[in-house]
Amino acid sequence: MTRLSRMSVAKPQQKTVAEIVQDLWVLLKAYATQETVDPLKKLGRYLAWGMAGSALMGLGLFFLGMALLRVLQTQTGTTFVGGWSWVPYLITAAVLSMVIALAVRRIVRYREREHVRIP
């Protein structure tokens, strides 16, 4: 007798159809959770941080705009008085518009760079 024939080899137990269906159901639920729910949770966190950052950036730009307007109104002496009192508002709007245009330009450039594939 050979050594292998003397060793007791455990035979795999046959599962019933109900056990196979139950195992398949558990496997399917775990796969669906892994492939759908988990990525959505990650996306939700990503969006939450992005929205919070956007809100804080917007608030900061608002305060910087108000500070610029206040400086132009109070620290320029008699330059913007009378009929020229609207100019500080125009300067502030122009500066904030340039900041917004710069941000949009950077976003568009980043997206274009992301979509370019090197073969």
Protein backbone atom coordinates (compact mmCIF):
# COMPACT_ATOMS: atom_id res chain seq x y z
CA MET A 1 0.00 0.00 0.00
CA THR A 2 1.23 3.40 -0.78
CA ARG A 3 1.42 6.17 1.68
CA LEU A 4 -1.30 8.19 -0.06
CA SER A 5 -3.79 5.38 0.08
CA ARG A 6 -3.26 5.00 3.84
CA MET A 7 -3.95 8.68 4.54
CA SER A 8 -7.51 9.54 5.17
CA VAL A 9 -8.55 12.17 2.67
CA ALA A 10 -11.51 14.26 3.65
CA LYS A 11 -14.18 14.04 1.04
CA PRO A 12 -16.02 17.26 0.25
CA GLN A 13 -19.54 17.26 1.58
CA GLN A 14 -22.32 17.78 -0.90
CA LYS A 15 -24.41 20.89 -0.29
CA THR A 16 -28.12 20.95 -0.72
CA VAL A 17 -29.73 23.20 -3.30
CA ALA A 18 -31.05 25.47 -0.54
CA GLU A 19 -27.54 25.93 0.90
CA ILE A 20 -26.14 26.72 -2.54
CA VAL A 21 -28.88 29.28 -3.17
CA GLN A 22 -28.30 30.83 0.25
CA ASP A 23 -24.53 31.04 -0.36
CA LEU A 24 -25.16 32.57 -3.78
CA TRP A 25 -27.53 35.14 -2.27
CA VAL A 26 -24.97 36.14 0.39
CA LEU A 27 -22.25 36.39 -2.23
CA LEU A 28 -24.48 38.47 -4.52
CA LYS A 29 -25.41 40.89 -1.72
CA ALA A 30 -21.77 41.32 -0.72
CA TYR A 31 -20.76 41.94 -4.34
CA ALA A 32 -23.56 44.45 -4.91
CA THR A 33 -22.61 46.32 -1.75
CA GLN A 34 -18.94 46.35 -2.72
CA GLU A 35 -19.61 47.57 -6.25
CA THR A 36 -22.42 50.08 -5.63
CA VAL A 37 -22.90 51.23 -2.05
CA ASP A 38 -19.23 51.62 -1.10
CA PRO A 39 -18.33 53.75 -4.16
CA LEU A 40 -21.41 55.91 -3.55
CA LYS A 41 -20.32 56.49 0.05
CA LYS A 42 -16.87 57.53 -1.16
CA LEU A 43 -18.44 59.82 -3.75
CA GLY A 44 -20.65 61.36 -1.07
CA ARG A 45 -17.64 62.14 1.11
CA TYR A 46 -15.80 63.60 -1.87
CA LEU A 47 -18.76 65.82 -2.75
CA ALA A 48 -19.23 66.93 0.85
CA TRP A 49 -15.61 68.04 1.17
CA GLY A 50 -15.82 69.74 -2.23
CA MET A 51 -18.98 71.63 -1.32
CA ALA A 52 -17.55 72.69 2.04
CA GLY A 53 -14.37 73.90 0.35
CA SER A 54 -16.35 75.78 -2.28
CA ALA A 55 -18.49 77.46 0.35
CA LEU A 56 -15.44 78.53 2.35
CA MET A 57 -13.65 79.79 -0.77
CA GLY A 58 -16.75 81.76 -1.76
CA LEU A 59 -17.05 83.25 1.70
CA GLY A 60 -13.37 84.18 1.70
CA LEU A 61 -13.63 85.83 -1.72
CA PHE A 62 -16.70 87.73 -0.57
CA PHE A 63 -14.83 89.12 2.43
CA LEU A 64 -11.79 89.97 0.30
CA GLY A 65 -14.06 91.81 -2.12
CA MET A 66 -15.67 93.75 0.71
CA ALA A 67 -12.22 94.58 2.09
CA LEU A 68 -11.06 95.84 -1.32
CA LEU A 69 -14.19 97.97 -1.68
CA ARG A 70 -13.74 99.41 1.80
CA VAL A 71 -10.08 100.24 1.11
CA LEU A 72 -10.96 101.96 -2.16
CA GLN A 73 -13.71 103.97 -0.49
CA THR A 74 -11.77 105.09 2.58
CA GLN A 75 -8.06 105.13 1.73
CA THR A 76 -8.07 106.92 -1.62
CA GLY A 77 -8.84 110.36 -0.22
CA THR A 78 -10.98 112.51 -2.50
CA THR A 79 -10.28 110.49 -5.65
CA PHE A 80 -13.60 108.63 -5.68
CA VAL A 81 -16.06 111.24 -4.35
CA GLY A 82 -19.07 112.84 -5.94
CA GLY A 83 -19.69 111.60 -9.47
CA TRP A 84 -16.86 109.04 -9.19
CA SER A 85 -18.28 107.17 -6.18
CA TRP A 86 -19.29 104.23 -8.43
CA VAL A 87 -15.69 103.50 -9.53
CA PRO A 88 -14.69 101.48 -6.41
CA TYR A 89 -17.63 99.15 -7.10
CA LEU A 90 -16.52 98.73 -10.71
CA ILE A 91 -12.90 98.06 -9.68
CA THR A 92 -14.01 95.50 -7.08
CA ALA A 93 -16.32 93.78 -9.57
CA ALA A 94 -13.52 93.70 -12.17
CA VAL A 95 -11.00 92.21 -9.72
CA LEU A 96 -13.46 89.55 -8.53
CA SER A 97 -14.39 88.77 -12.14
CA MET A 98 -10.72 88.23 -12.96
CA VAL A 99 -10.37 85.87 -10.00
CA ILE A 100 -13.41 83.90 -11.17
CA ALA A 101 -12.12 83.82 -14.76
CA LEU A 102 -8.74 82.57 -13.54
CA ALA A 103 -10.40 79.81 -11.51
CA VAL A 104 -12.57 78.73 -14.45
CA ARG A 105 -9.56 78.76 -16.77
CA ARG A 106 -7.59 76.54 -14.40
CA ILE A 107 -10.51 74.11 -14.09
CA VAL A 108 -10.95 73.86 -17.87
CA ARG A 109 -7.23 73.43 -18.44
CA TYR A 110 -7.07 70.68 -15.79
CA ARG A 111 -10.00 68.82 -17.36
CA GLU A 112 -8.46 69.05 -20.84
CA ARG A 113 -5.20 67.67 -19.50
CA GLU A 114 -7.04 64.81 -17.78
CA HIS A 115 -8.78 63.75 -20.99
CA VAL A 116 -5.65 63.67 -23.13
CA ARG A 117 -4.43 60.10 -23.41
CA ILE A 118 -0.86 59.27 -24.33
CA PRO A 119 -0.72 56.10 -26.45
